[in-house]
Amino acid sequence: MGKSRHQVVDLRTGRLHVMTEPGRVPLHRLLGFASRINSKRGFLLVSKVLGKHYPVLPRTMAWSYRALARKLLDQTDFSAPSLWVGMAETATGLGYGVFESAYNLGVRSALFMQTTRYHLAGGDRLAFIEEHSHATDFFLYYPEHEKDCATFLNARQLVLIDDEISTGATFARLIAAYRAVNPRLEKVFIVSLVNFASPEHRHRLEASAGIPVQWVSLLAGQLRFDPVDTDQEQFRDNTINVAGNGLCKRDILAWPGRLGMDRPVRFSDLNVAGLLVFLPARPDNRPILVLGTGECNPPAFLLGRSLERLGYRVIVQATTRSPIFPEGAIASRIQFTDNYQDDIDNFLYNVDADDFSLIVACHETPRVPGNTSRGTDFIGLLKQLNAVGAQFSYRDNNAELHFYRP
C-alpha cells in the first residue's frame, strides 16, 4: 500500500503540513489547497472529485460516490432503518450521491436528508453550529412526510457524510442533538472523501457519541497548520455578507433533500434535447459546463451524467458561499449576490466562460432578479457567462429541469 507521506503547502495565510496514511488513492488525485478568507481557519482543502470549487468529470464524481458506498456496505448490514445526512453546503451533492449509490446497491429502509442554513417555518428542527465556518448556524429539519418522520425518529444507524473531516467537532454536536430525539440509535458512520481527524479528535468524538462510531474514507491522515506570524484578522474580508435575512425560504426551495427522500430523484423528462438546441451550430470541441448552485448540487451532477452518457464532454462544478483567496488550486474568482433572496455574497471559482461550448446553471429558486445594489446578481451572472438557466422543480416524486436563456 506504500508509505505514509508528508507534504508541506505554503499559503499566504500560513504553512499547511499534510500527513497521509498509506492508501489506494494518492493525495494529488483527491485534493488541492488554497487560503480561506476566514480568520478562524486559514486553509481550504479543495476537492478534485467533489464538483464544487474545482472542475470535475461526472464519471469521476460517480466513482467517488460508488467507492464510498461500497466501502461502507462492505463493513455493515443496512437492513435496519437508517438515516443518511449530507452536510451543507459543500457536501450536499456528495451526500446525495453516496445515498443514491447505496440505494442502487440494494439499501432500503433508508432516508436521505441534508442539513441547511435556511429557515423553513412551520417545522421542527435540530440546530447546531460549525465553528470554523464563515457562516456557523446549521439546521436539520424533521421530514415532512409521516413515514419518513418515523424513519427519522427511529433509525438504528446514522450515516453522516462530508467532503473532509478535520476535527469532527461539528459531527459531535449533530450526533448529540440527534440522539436526544432518537435514543434508539445504535451506531454512527462518519463517511468522507478524506479524514484528517487526529487520534485525539476521533477518541473525543467516539466518547461523546456514547455509541459505536465507524469511520469510512478514501484517504486518511493528519493536518497541522502554522499560521503566518501576524494578525489573522487581515485574512477576513469584512465586506463579505454571510448572514441571511432569517425569512422563511420554504416557498423558493425546490430540492427535496432538506425534508427527506427515501429514494433517489427520478426525472419524468430530463429533456436533454431541449438543452442541446443552445449548443453552437458549428462543431465545438470545448466541453459543456454544468453548474450547481449553493446547497442544490445534485441536479447538476444528474444532468452532467446524462449528457456524458450521450457522449458529450462535460465538466461539473457549483457556486458557493465560501470566500477563498485566488491562489493554489483556486485560479480565479467571480463574485455575485445569491439567488436565495438573502443578498449574500456567492462565488464561482476556476471558471473562464471561453473554455466551454455551453454553460448550464442548475438552480432551485425562482427566476427573479436579486439585489443589484452590491453588484452582480444571479441572473446577471448567467448573462455574464452567456449561460443557459435550468430551473429544477419537484412534485409527486417527479423531477424536471426547465431550460431557458435569461
Protein backbone atom coordinates (compact mmCIF):
# COMPACT_ATOMS: atom_id res chain seq x y z
CA MET A 1 0.00 0.00 0.00
CA GLY A 2 3.04 2.30 0.26
CA LYS A 3 4.46 4.54 2.96
CA SER A 4 2.96 7.43 4.87
CA ARG A 5 3.71 10.75 3.21
CA HIS A 6 4.29 14.28 4.46
CA GLN A 7 3.57 17.23 2.18
CA VAL A 8 4.16 20.89 3.01
CA VAL A 9 1.96 23.52 1.37
CA ASP A 10 2.85 27.21 1.63
CA LEU A 11 -0.17 29.52 1.57
CA ARG A 12 -0.48 33.25 2.12
CA THR A 13 -2.21 32.53 5.43
CA GLY A 14 0.40 30.07 6.69
CA ARG A 15 2.08 26.72 6.17
CA LEU A 16 -0.01 23.56 5.96
CA HIS A 17 1.51 20.17 6.80
CA VAL A 18 -0.37 17.23 5.32
CA MET A 19 0.48 13.76 6.61
CA THR A 20 -1.31 10.94 4.78
CA GLU A 21 -1.59 7.27 5.67
CA PRO A 22 -0.96 4.61 3.00
CA GLY A 23 -3.95 4.28 0.70
CA ARG A 24 -5.08 3.28 -2.75
CA VAL A 25 -5.86 6.83 -3.88
CA PRO A 26 -2.96 9.32 -3.90
CA LEU A 27 -3.42 12.73 -2.29
CA HIS A 28 -2.87 14.69 -5.51
CA ARG A 29 -5.84 12.92 -7.13
CA LEU A 30 -8.16 13.98 -4.33
CA LEU A 31 -7.03 17.39 -3.12
CA GLY A 32 -5.57 20.77 -3.92
CA PHE A 33 -5.09 23.58 -1.42
CA ALA A 34 -5.96 27.26 -1.03
CA SER A 35 -6.35 30.00 1.61
CA ARG A 36 -9.69 30.80 3.19
CA ILE A 37 -10.77 34.38 3.73
CA ASN A 38 -11.53 33.40 7.31
CA SER A 39 -9.56 34.21 10.45
CA LYS A 40 -10.87 31.05 12.20
CA ARG A 41 -9.25 28.65 9.74
CA GLY A 42 -6.73 29.85 7.20
CA PHE A 43 -6.67 26.92 4.78
CA LEU A 44 -9.08 25.13 2.47
CA LEU A 45 -8.86 21.58 1.20
CA VAL A 46 -10.01 21.88 -2.42
CA SER A 47 -11.50 18.58 -3.51
CA LYS A 48 -10.71 17.42 -7.04
CA VAL A 49 -13.57 14.89 -7.08
CA LEU A 50 -16.39 16.78 -5.31
CA GLY A 51 -17.51 19.07 -8.16
CA LYS A 52 -17.78 22.19 -6.01
CA HIS A 53 -14.83 24.58 -6.17
CA TYR A 54 -12.89 22.67 -8.82
CA PRO A 55 -13.95 21.31 -12.26
CA VAL A 56 -14.72 17.58 -12.22
CA LEU A 57 -15.91 14.98 -14.72
CA PRO A 58 -19.31 13.47 -13.82
CA ARG A 59 -17.85 9.97 -14.07
CA THR A 60 -15.18 10.93 -11.51
CA MET A 61 -17.88 12.16 -9.13
CA ALA A 62 -19.84 8.93 -9.68
CA TRP A 63 -16.71 6.90 -8.96
CA SER A 64 -16.24 8.62 -5.60
CA TYR A 65 -19.90 8.02 -4.67
CA ARG A 66 -19.71 4.32 -5.53
CA ALA A 67 -16.35 3.84 -3.83
CA LEU A 68 -17.59 5.27 -0.53
CA ALA A 69 -20.91 3.41 -0.70
CA ARG A 70 -19.23 0.07 -1.43
CA LYS A 71 -16.67 0.61 1.32
CA LEU A 72 -19.47 1.37 3.74
CA LEU A 73 -21.64 -1.58 2.69
CA ASP A 74 -18.67 -3.95 2.92
CA GLN A 75 -18.47 -3.16 6.62
CA THR A 76 -22.08 -3.43 7.78
CA ASP A 77 -25.60 -4.63 7.06
CA PHE A 78 -28.12 -1.86 6.41
CA SER A 79 -31.28 -3.93 6.77
CA ALA A 80 -32.39 -1.85 9.77
CA PRO A 81 -33.80 1.68 9.26
CA SER A 82 -31.03 4.20 8.62
CA LEU A 83 -30.69 7.96 8.27
CA TRP A 84 -28.17 9.37 5.77
CA VAL A 85 -27.21 13.04 6.17
CA GLY A 86 -25.24 15.18 3.70
CA MET A 87 -23.62 18.26 5.22
CA ALA A 88 -24.41 21.66 3.79
CA GLU A 89 -23.22 23.48 1.90
CA THR A 90 -20.30 21.71 0.35
CA ALA A 91 -21.26 18.05 0.73
CA THR A 92 -24.94 18.09 -0.23
CA GLY A 93 -24.08 16.62 -3.62
CA LEU A 94 -21.68 14.08 -2.14
CA GLY A 95 -24.23 13.02 0.48
CA TYR A 96 -26.93 12.51 -2.13
CA GLY A 97 -24.52 10.66 -4.44
CA VAL A 98 -23.43 8.21 -1.74
CA PHE A 99 -27.08 7.62 -0.79
CA GLU A 100 -28.05 7.05 -4.44
CA SER A 101 -25.18 4.59 -4.90
CA ALA A 102 -26.13 2.72 -1.72
CA TYR A 103 -29.75 2.57 -2.89
CA ASN A 104 -28.63 1.19 -6.25
CA LEU A 105 -26.61 -1.43 -4.35
CA GLY A 106 -29.76 -2.59 -2.56
CA VAL A 107 -30.06 -0.47 0.59
CA ARG A 108 -33.69 0.12 1.58
CA SER A 109 -35.47 1.45 4.71
CA ALA A 110 -33.13 4.42 4.36
CA LEU A 111 -33.83 8.14 4.44
CA PHE A 112 -31.58 10.80 2.94
CA MET A 113 -31.56 14.34 4.27
CA GLN A 114 -29.22 17.31 4.14
CA THR A 115 -28.51 20.00 6.65
CA THR A 116 -29.24 23.57 5.63
CA ARG A 117 -28.61 27.16 6.61
CA TYR A 118 -32.11 28.22 5.58
CA HIS A 119 -35.11 28.88 7.77
CA LEU A 120 -38.20 26.78 6.98
CA ALA A 121 -41.16 27.94 9.06
CA GLY A 122 -43.68 25.51 10.49
CA GLY A 123 -41.38 22.54 11.09
CA ASP A 124 -39.35 21.09 13.96
CA ARG A 125 -35.60 21.06 13.58
CA LEU A 126 -32.28 20.28 15.23
CA ALA A 127 -29.88 23.22 15.40
CA PHE A 128 -26.10 23.06 15.72
CA ILE A 129 -23.02 25.05 14.72
CA GLU A 130 -19.85 24.60 12.68
CA GLU A 131 -17.34 26.80 14.46
CA HIS A 132 -14.75 27.19 11.70
CA SER A 133 -17.30 28.03 9.00
CA HIS A 134 -17.79 31.51 7.56
CA ALA A 135 -21.50 31.08 8.46
CA THR A 136 -21.82 28.92 11.55
CA ASP A 137 -25.53 28.08 12.04
CA PHE A 138 -26.97 24.89 10.55
CA PHE A 139 -30.28 23.07 10.83
CA LEU A 140 -31.53 19.54 10.29
CA TYR A 141 -35.30 19.60 9.83
CA TYR A 142 -37.76 16.84 10.65
CA PRO A 143 -39.10 15.20 7.45
CA GLU A 144 -42.41 16.45 6.10
CA HIS A 145 -43.99 13.01 5.43
CA GLU A 146 -45.19 10.80 8.28
CA LYS A 147 -43.46 7.65 7.01
CA ASP A 148 -40.15 9.49 6.61
CA CYS A 149 -40.54 11.09 10.03
CA ALA A 150 -40.93 7.61 11.55
CA THR A 151 -37.62 6.58 9.95
CA PHE A 152 -36.01 9.81 11.15
CA LEU A 153 -37.06 9.24 14.77
CA ASN A 154 -36.37 5.50 14.86
CA ALA A 155 -33.27 4.94 12.70
CA ARG A 156 -30.83 2.42 14.11
CA GLN A 157 -27.90 3.65 12.03
CA LEU A 158 -26.84 7.23 11.29
CA VAL A 159 -24.60 7.91 8.26
CA LEU A 160 -23.02 11.38 8.31
CA ILE A 161 -21.39 12.41 5.02
CA ASP A 162 -18.96 15.29 4.45
CA ASP A 163 -16.20 16.02 1.99
CA GLU A 164 -13.49 16.29 4.64
CA ILE A 165 -13.10 15.78 8.38
CA SER A 166 -10.62 17.90 10.30
CA THR A 167 -11.68 17.56 13.94
CA GLY A 168 -15.16 16.00 13.90
CA ALA A 169 -16.47 18.64 16.33
CA THR A 170 -19.42 19.56 14.11
CA PHE A 171 -20.46 15.92 13.87
CA ALA A 172 -20.17 15.53 17.66
CA ARG A 173 -22.70 18.33 18.11
CA LEU A 174 -25.05 16.89 15.50
CA ILE A 175 -24.85 13.38 16.99
CA ALA A 176 -25.70 14.74 20.43
CA ALA A 177 -28.65 16.72 19.09
CA TYR A 178 -29.95 13.73 17.12
CA ARG A 179 -29.56 11.19 19.94
CA ALA A 180 -31.69 13.45 22.11
CA VAL A 181 -34.67 12.82 19.79
CA ASN A 182 -33.75 9.25 18.82
CA PRO A 183 -32.47 7.25 21.81
CA ARG A 184 -32.84 4.04 19.74
CA LEU A 185 -29.81 4.89 17.61
CA GLU A 186 -27.25 2.07 17.74
CA LYS A 187 -24.33 3.14 15.56
CA VAL A 188 -22.86 6.12 13.70
CA PHE A 189 -20.88 6.02 10.45
CA ILE A 190 -18.79 9.06 9.54
CA VAL A 191 -18.16 8.99 5.79
CA SER A 192 -15.85 11.39 3.96
CA LEU A 193 -13.62 11.67 0.95
CA VAL A 194 -10.68 12.49 3.23
CA ASN A 195 -10.39 12.19 7.00
CA PHE A 196 -7.77 14.27 8.83
CA ALA A 197 -9.19 13.93 12.34
CA SER A 198 -6.33 13.14 14.74
CA PRO A 199 -6.50 10.10 17.05
CA GLU A 200 -7.32 12.50 19.90
CA HIS A 201 -10.17 14.10 17.96
CA ARG A 202 -11.54 10.70 16.96
CA HIS A 203 -11.42 9.44 20.53
CA ARG A 204 -13.14 12.58 21.79
CA LEU A 205 -15.99 12.21 19.26
CA GLU A 206 -16.38 8.49 19.95
CA ALA A 207 -16.53 9.10 23.70
CA SER A 208 -19.08 11.90 23.35
CA ALA A 209 -21.25 9.83 20.97
CA GLY A 210 -21.83 7.16 23.59
CA ILE A 211 -22.45 4.51 20.90
CA PRO A 212 -20.12 2.82 18.39
CA VAL A 213 -18.68 5.09 15.68
CA GLN A 214 -17.12 3.83 12.46
CA TRP A 215 -15.01 5.98 10.11
CA VAL A 216 -15.07 5.48 6.32
CA SER A 217 -12.94 7.49 3.88
CA LEU A 218 -10.91 7.23 0.69
CA LEU A 219 -7.83 8.73 2.34
CA ALA A 220 -6.88 9.39 5.97
CA GLY A 221 -4.13 11.30 7.70
CA GLN A 222 -3.47 14.34 9.86
CA LEU A 223 -3.06 18.08 9.33
CA ARG A 224 -1.03 20.75 11.06
CA PHE A 225 -1.41 24.40 10.16
CA ASP A 226 1.12 27.03 11.18
CA PRO A 227 -0.48 30.45 10.61
CA VAL A 228 1.73 33.30 9.48
CA ASP A 229 3.11 35.31 12.36
CA THR A 230 0.76 38.24 12.01
CA ASP A 231 -2.77 39.32 12.85
CA GLN A 232 -5.08 36.75 11.29
CA GLU A 233 -7.86 39.34 11.09
CA GLN A 234 -6.17 40.63 7.95
CA PHE A 235 -7.41 37.45 6.29
CA ARG A 236 -11.07 38.25 6.97
CA ASP A 237 -12.94 40.25 4.34
CA ASN A 238 -15.44 42.21 6.42
CA THR A 239 -17.20 43.39 3.25
CA ILE A 240 -18.49 39.84 2.64
CA ASN A 241 -22.01 39.28 3.91
CA VAL A 242 -22.52 35.81 5.43
CA ALA A 243 -25.76 36.32 7.39
CA GLY A 244 -29.13 35.68 5.77
CA ASN A 245 -32.25 37.69 6.42
CA GLY A 246 -33.83 34.92 8.51
CA LEU A 247 -37.02 34.82 6.45
CA CYS A 248 -38.72 31.54 5.64
CA LYS A 249 -37.41 30.09 2.37
CA ARG A 250 -39.85 27.18 2.10
CA ASP A 251 -41.62 28.58 -0.99
CA ILE A 252 -38.44 29.06 -3.01
CA LEU A 253 -36.58 25.81 -2.21
CA ALA A 254 -37.47 23.09 -4.71
CA TRP A 255 -34.78 20.50 -3.93
CA PRO A 256 -36.38 17.85 -1.63
CA GLY A 257 -33.24 16.85 0.28
CA ARG A 258 -33.87 19.15 3.24
CA LEU A 259 -37.18 17.46 4.12
CA GLY A 260 -36.39 13.83 3.43
CA MET A 261 -36.01 11.45 0.46
CA ASP A 262 -36.48 7.69 0.72
CA ARG A 263 -35.29 7.06 -2.85
CA PRO A 264 -33.16 8.79 -5.48
CA VAL A 265 -34.55 11.52 -7.72
CA ARG A 266 -36.13 10.35 -10.94
CA PHE A 267 -36.65 12.80 -13.78
CA SER A 268 -40.00 12.48 -15.51
CA ASP A 269 -38.39 14.07 -18.58
CA LEU A 270 -34.83 15.35 -18.48
CA ASN A 271 -35.47 16.97 -21.87
CA VAL A 272 -31.80 16.95 -22.87
CA ALA A 273 -32.86 17.66 -26.43
CA GLY A 274 -34.41 20.91 -25.17
CA LEU A 275 -31.00 21.88 -23.83
CA LEU A 276 -28.90 20.91 -26.82
CA VAL A 277 -30.65 23.44 -29.05
CA PHE A 278 -28.50 26.01 -27.21
CA LEU A 279 -25.26 24.42 -28.39
CA PRO A 280 -23.30 26.29 -31.10
CA ALA A 281 -24.39 25.48 -34.63
CA ARG A 282 -20.83 24.66 -35.67
CA PRO A 283 -18.92 21.73 -34.10
CA ASP A 284 -17.10 22.74 -30.96
CA ASN A 285 -14.59 20.58 -29.11
CA ARG A 286 -14.88 22.52 -25.88
CA PRO A 287 -16.74 20.77 -23.02
CA ILE A 288 -20.12 21.68 -21.56
CA LEU A 289 -20.01 23.14 -18.05
CA VAL A 290 -22.92 22.25 -15.75
CA LEU A 291 -23.15 24.30 -12.57
CA GLY A 292 -24.89 23.54 -9.32
CA THR A 293 -25.85 26.37 -7.01
CA GLY A 294 -25.31 26.68 -3.26
CA GLU A 295 -26.98 23.84 -1.37
CA CYS A 296 -28.60 22.47 -4.54
CA ASN A 297 -25.79 20.49 -6.18
CA PRO A 298 -27.23 17.07 -7.16
CA PRO A 299 -29.24 18.28 -10.22
CA ALA A 300 -26.00 19.47 -11.84
CA PHE A 301 -24.42 16.05 -11.38
CA LEU A 302 -27.53 14.26 -12.66
CA LEU A 303 -27.69 16.45 -15.77
CA GLY A 304 -23.94 16.18 -16.32
CA ARG A 305 -24.08 12.41 -16.03
CA SER A 306 -26.92 12.23 -18.57
CA LEU A 307 -25.01 14.39 -21.06
CA GLU A 308 -21.84 12.39 -20.52
CA ARG A 309 -23.72 9.16 -21.26
CA LEU A 310 -24.85 10.70 -24.54
CA GLY A 311 -21.20 11.19 -25.49
CA TYR A 312 -20.70 14.86 -24.62
CA ARG A 313 -17.63 16.14 -22.83
CA VAL A 314 -18.91 17.55 -19.56
CA ILE A 315 -17.49 19.31 -16.51
CA VAL A 316 -19.44 19.83 -13.27
CA GLN A 317 -18.95 22.50 -10.63
CA ALA A 318 -21.06 24.62 -8.28
CA THR A 319 -21.35 28.09 -6.84
CA THR A 320 -20.60 28.51 -3.14
CA ARG A 321 -20.78 30.89 -0.20
CA SER A 322 -17.17 30.10 0.77
CA PRO A 323 -14.85 33.12 0.37
CA ILE A 324 -11.42 31.93 -0.85
CA PHE A 325 -8.29 33.75 -2.00
CA PRO A 326 -7.40 33.05 -5.66
CA GLU A 327 -4.20 31.02 -5.22
CA GLY A 328 -3.06 27.42 -5.39
CA ALA A 329 -5.98 25.27 -6.57
CA ILE A 330 -8.15 28.38 -6.97
CA ALA A 331 -7.16 30.10 -10.21
CA SER A 332 -9.94 32.70 -10.47
CA ARG A 333 -12.99 34.04 -8.65
CA ILE A 334 -16.30 35.52 -9.80
CA GLN A 335 -18.42 37.19 -7.11
CA PHE A 336 -22.18 37.77 -7.22
CA THR A 337 -25.14 38.00 -4.84
CA ASP A 338 -27.05 34.82 -4.14
CA ASN A 339 -30.27 33.57 -5.75
CA TYR A 340 -31.95 32.82 -2.39
CA GLN A 341 -33.16 36.39 -1.72
CA ASP A 342 -30.65 36.86 1.10
CA ASP A 343 -28.28 39.30 -0.65
CA ILE A 344 -25.40 37.05 0.42
CA ASP A 345 -22.11 37.03 -1.46
CA ASN A 346 -21.60 33.88 -3.52
CA PHE A 347 -18.62 32.82 -5.61
CA LEU A 348 -17.73 30.78 -8.64
CA TYR A 349 -14.14 29.59 -8.85
CA ASN A 350 -11.88 28.38 -11.65
CA VAL A 351 -14.32 29.25 -14.46
CA ASP A 352 -13.45 31.05 -17.69
CA ALA A 353 -16.53 31.17 -19.92
CA ASP A 354 -14.37 30.98 -23.06
CA ASP A 355 -13.27 27.47 -22.10
CA PHE A 356 -16.75 25.99 -22.65
CA SER A 357 -19.05 25.47 -25.61
CA LEU A 358 -22.06 25.87 -23.30
CA ILE A 359 -22.61 26.71 -19.63
CA VAL A 360 -25.75 25.48 -17.88
CA ALA A 361 -26.63 26.66 -14.36
CA CYS A 362 -29.00 24.38 -12.43
CA HIS A 363 -30.91 26.15 -9.67
CA GLU A 364 -33.96 25.51 -7.49
CA THR A 365 -35.01 29.10 -6.89
CA PRO A 366 -37.39 31.34 -8.89
CA ARG A 367 -36.09 33.32 -11.86
CA VAL A 368 -36.30 36.69 -10.17
CA PRO A 369 -33.63 39.42 -10.14
CA GLY A 370 -31.79 39.88 -6.87
CA ASN A 371 -30.46 42.97 -5.17
CA THR A 372 -28.03 44.55 -7.62
CA SER A 373 -27.03 47.46 -5.36
CA ARG A 374 -24.00 45.47 -4.22
CA GLY A 375 -23.01 44.12 -7.64
CA THR A 376 -23.99 41.33 -9.99
CA ASP A 377 -26.97 39.16 -9.05
CA PHE A 378 -27.53 35.54 -10.11
CA ILE A 379 -29.40 36.45 -13.30
CA GLY A 380 -26.60 38.89 -14.08
CA LEU A 381 -24.09 36.08 -13.57
CA LEU A 382 -25.92 33.93 -16.13
CA LYS A 383 -25.81 36.78 -18.61
CA GLN A 384 -22.14 37.44 -17.87
CA LEU A 385 -21.33 33.79 -18.58
CA ASN A 386 -23.76 33.62 -21.53
CA ALA A 387 -25.23 30.65 -19.66
CA VAL A 388 -28.46 28.75 -20.01
CA GLY A 389 -30.54 28.52 -16.85
CA ALA A 390 -32.00 25.19 -15.74
CA GLN A 391 -34.66 25.63 -13.07
CA PHE A 392 -35.28 22.50 -11.01
CA SER A 393 -38.82 21.56 -9.97
CA TYR A 394 -40.08 18.62 -7.94
CA ARG A 395 -43.63 17.37 -7.43
CA ASP A 396 -45.12 13.97 -6.62
CA ASN A 397 -41.67 12.31 -6.79
CA ASN A 398 -41.13 13.64 -10.32
CA ALA A 399 -38.25 16.00 -11.04
CA GLU A 400 -37.86 18.29 -14.05
CA LEU A 401 -35.36 20.81 -15.36
CA HIS A 402 -36.76 23.81 -17.26
CA PHE A 403 -34.16 25.29 -19.61
CA TYR A 404 -34.19 28.96 -20.57
CA ARG A 405 -31.94 31.74 -21.78
CA PRO A 406 -32.11 34.77 -19.42
